[in-house]
Amino acid sequence: MTELTEEQRTKLEAAAFRTLVEHLRKRADVQNIDLMNLAGFCRNCLSNWYQEAAHEAGIDLSKEESREIVYGMPYDEWKAKHQTEATAEQKEAFASSHKH
């Protein structure tokens, strides 16, 4: 396996993250509940992780700001444009996959 420096690893991870975020922005047809049901995370999770990383780095970033970074627009605007009501099947799948 190729040995990467810490700087190289960070740059590659950042590029992969940017690509993932751009992909999710283009796939607004994929609802967060679908992502949660299939992968166990969604756009909101990414924005929360981004905000947590900012706070760990001493950067004051609000929840709204981190969501706008991930969604590419204010969250309320994204919801109004793209979010649909979850179906009964989606809600059932979510409930089944998130039992503790």
C-alpha atoms as a PDB file:
ATOM      1  CA  MET A   1       0.000   0.000   0.000  1.00  0.00           C
ATOM      2  CA  THR A   2       1.234   3.494  -0.843  1.00  0.00           C
ATOM      3  CA  GLU A   3       2.353   5.431   2.189  1.00  0.00           C
ATOM      4  CA  LEU A   4       0.784   8.879   2.321  1.00  0.00           C
ATOM      5  CA  THR A   5       1.930  11.830   4.303  1.00  0.00           C
ATOM      6  CA  GLU A   6      -0.575  13.370   6.682  1.00  0.00           C
ATOM      7  CA  GLU A   7      -0.886  16.349   4.306  1.00  0.00           C
ATOM      8  CA  GLN A   8      -1.528  14.086   1.297  1.00  0.00           C
ATOM      9  CA  ARG A   9      -4.127  12.071   3.207  1.00  0.00           C
ATOM     10  CA  THR A  10      -5.894  15.238   4.347  1.00  0.00           C
ATOM     11  CA  LYS A  11      -5.946  16.652   0.807  1.00  0.00           C
ATOM     12  CA  LEU A  12      -7.312  13.408  -0.642  1.00  0.00           C
ATOM     13  CA  GLU A  13      -9.964  13.098   2.070  1.00  0.00           C
ATOM     14  CA  ALA A  14     -11.008  16.713   1.496  1.00  0.00           C
ATOM     15  CA  ALA A  15     -11.275  16.116  -2.260  1.00  0.00           C
ATOM     16  CA  ALA A  16     -13.353  12.978  -1.696  1.00  0.00           C
ATOM     17  CA  PHE A  17     -15.639  14.870   0.690  1.00  0.00           C
ATOM     18  CA  ARG A  18     -16.120  17.704  -1.810  1.00  0.00           C
ATOM     19  CA  THR A  19     -16.962  15.168  -4.515  1.00  0.00           C
ATOM     20  CA  LEU A  20     -19.494  13.443  -2.242  1.00  0.00           C
ATOM     21  CA  VAL A  21     -21.137  16.751  -1.341  1.00  0.00           C
ATOM     22  CA  GLU A  22     -21.327  17.808  -4.995  1.00  0.00           C
ATOM     23  CA  HIS A  23     -22.806  14.423  -5.918  1.00  0.00           C
ATOM     24  CA  LEU A  24     -25.477  14.752  -3.222  1.00  0.00           C
ATOM     25  CA  ARG A  25     -26.293  18.283  -4.392  1.00  0.00           C
ATOM     26  CA  LYS A  26     -26.846  16.963  -7.925  1.00  0.00           C
ATOM     27  CA  ARG A  27     -28.964  14.086  -6.621  1.00  0.00           C
ATOM     28  CA  ALA A  28     -31.590  16.141  -4.829  1.00  0.00           C
ATOM     29  CA  ASP A  29     -34.070  13.475  -5.944  1.00  0.00           C
ATOM     30  CA  VAL A  30     -32.557  11.151  -3.338  1.00  0.00           C
ATOM     31  CA  GLN A  31     -34.273  11.924  -0.066  1.00  0.00           C
ATOM     32  CA  ASN A  32     -32.433  11.975   3.256  1.00  0.00           C
ATOM     33  CA  ILE A  33     -34.664   9.201   4.584  1.00  0.00           C
ATOM     34  CA  ASP A  34     -33.549   7.001   1.661  1.00  0.00           C
ATOM     35  CA  LEU A  35     -29.922   7.698   2.517  1.00  0.00           C
ATOM     36  CA  MET A  36     -30.578   6.919   6.176  1.00  0.00           C
ATOM     37  CA  ASN A  37     -32.380   3.690   5.317  1.00  0.00           C
ATOM     38  CA  LEU A  38     -29.652   2.476   2.970  1.00  0.00           C
ATOM     39  CA  ALA A  39     -26.458   3.926   4.382  1.00  0.00           C
ATOM     40  CA  GLY A  40     -27.228   5.003   7.942  1.00  0.00           C
ATOM     41  CA  PHE A  41     -26.290   8.640   7.301  1.00  0.00           C
ATOM     42  CA  CYS A  42     -27.654  11.581   5.331  1.00  0.00           C
ATOM     43  CA  ARG A  43     -26.876  15.147   4.352  1.00  0.00           C
ATOM     44  CA  ASN A  44     -27.747  16.345   7.856  1.00  0.00           C
ATOM     45  CA  CYS A  45     -25.238  13.888   9.322  1.00  0.00           C
ATOM     46  CA  LEU A  46     -22.544  15.251   7.002  1.00  0.00           C
ATOM     47  CA  SER A  47     -23.348  18.813   8.014  1.00  0.00           C
ATOM     48  CA  ASN A  48     -23.261  17.835  11.701  1.00  0.00           C
ATOM     49  CA  TRP A  49     -19.859  16.154  11.253  1.00  0.00           C
ATOM     50  CA  TYR A  50     -18.616  19.245   9.404  1.00  0.00           C
ATOM     51  CA  GLN A  51     -19.800  21.491  12.246  1.00  0.00           C
ATOM     52  CA  GLU A  52     -18.176  19.218  14.851  1.00  0.00           C
ATOM     53  CA  ALA A  53     -14.873  19.309  12.942  1.00  0.00           C
ATOM     54  CA  ALA A  54     -15.079  23.095  12.773  1.00  0.00           C
ATOM     55  CA  HIS A  55     -15.658  23.330  16.515  1.00  0.00           C
ATOM     56  CA  GLU A  56     -12.728  20.961  17.177  1.00  0.00           C
ATOM     57  CA  ALA A  57     -10.591  23.318  15.079  1.00  0.00           C
ATOM     58  CA  GLY A  58     -11.776  26.312  17.113  1.00  0.00           C
ATOM     59  CA  ILE A  59     -14.037  27.635  14.345  1.00  0.00           C
ATOM     60  CA  ASP A  60     -17.464  28.912  15.351  1.00  0.00           C
ATOM     61  CA  LEU A  61     -19.768  27.485  12.675  1.00  0.00           C
ATOM     62  CA  SER A  62     -23.511  27.368  13.202  1.00  0.00           C
ATOM     63  CA  LYS A  63     -25.764  24.452  12.325  1.00  0.00           C
ATOM     64  CA  GLU A  64     -27.366  26.584   9.606  1.00  0.00           C
ATOM     65  CA  GLU A  65     -23.973  27.484   8.131  1.00  0.00           C
ATOM     66  CA  SER A  66     -22.781  23.892   8.060  1.00  0.00           C
ATOM     67  CA  ARG A  67     -26.026  22.767   6.425  1.00  0.00           C
ATOM     68  CA  GLU A  68     -25.703  25.453   3.768  1.00  0.00           C
ATOM     69  CA  ILE A  69     -22.183  24.197   3.015  1.00  0.00           C
ATOM     70  CA  VAL A  70     -23.494  20.662   2.467  1.00  0.00           C
ATOM     71  CA  TYR A  71     -26.788  21.512   0.765  1.00  0.00           C
ATOM     72  CA  GLY A  72     -25.398  24.354  -1.366  1.00  0.00           C
ATOM     73  CA  MET A  73     -28.233  26.626  -0.229  1.00  0.00           C
ATOM     74  CA  PRO A  74     -30.086  27.420   2.992  1.00  0.00           C
ATOM     75  CA  TYR A  75     -31.635  24.250   4.413  1.00  0.00           C
ATOM     76  CA  ASP A  76     -35.194  25.649   4.409  1.00  0.00           C
ATOM     77  CA  GLU A  77     -34.815  26.530   0.727  1.00  0.00           C
ATOM     78  CA  TRP A  78     -33.567  23.011  -0.086  1.00  0.00           C
ATOM     79  CA  LYS A  79     -36.475  21.452   1.811  1.00  0.00           C
ATOM     80  CA  ALA A  80     -38.994  23.620  -0.026  1.00  0.00           C
ATOM     81  CA  LYS A  81     -37.497  22.762  -3.423  1.00  0.00           C
ATOM     82  CA  HIS A  82     -36.618  19.094  -2.993  1.00  0.00           C
ATOM     83  CA  GLN A  83     -37.943  17.374   0.117  1.00  0.00           C
ATOM     84  CA  THR A  84     -41.022  15.215  -0.210  1.00  0.00           C
ATOM     85  CA  GLU A  85     -43.185  13.640   2.466  1.00  0.00           C
ATOM     86  CA  ALA A  86     -41.801  10.264   3.481  1.00  0.00           C
ATOM     87  CA  THR A  87     -43.946   7.336   2.438  1.00  0.00           C
ATOM     88  CA  ALA A  88     -45.277   4.823   4.930  1.00  0.00           C
ATOM     89  CA  GLU A  89     -42.766   2.299   3.553  1.00  0.00           C
ATOM     90  CA  GLN A  90     -39.858   4.714   4.043  1.00  0.00           C
ATOM     91  CA  LYS A  91     -40.956   5.464   7.602  1.00  0.00           C
ATOM     92  CA  GLU A  92     -41.338   1.743   8.364  1.00  0.00           C
ATOM     93  CA  ALA A  93     -37.900   0.976   6.934  1.00  0.00           C
ATOM     94  CA  PHE A  94     -36.404   3.789   9.012  1.00  0.00           C
ATOM     95  CA  ALA A  95     -38.078   2.566  12.183  1.00  0.00           C
ATOM     96  CA  SER A  96     -36.909  -1.001  11.537  1.00  0.00           C
ATOM     97  CA  SER A  97     -33.317  -0.027  10.779  1.00  0.00           C
ATOM     98  CA  HIS A  98     -32.960   2.316  13.755  1.00  0.00           C
ATOM     99  CA  LYS A  99     -34.180   0.119  16.580  1.00  0.00           C
ATOM    100  CA  HIS A 100     -31.867   0.098  19.557  1.00  0.00           C
END
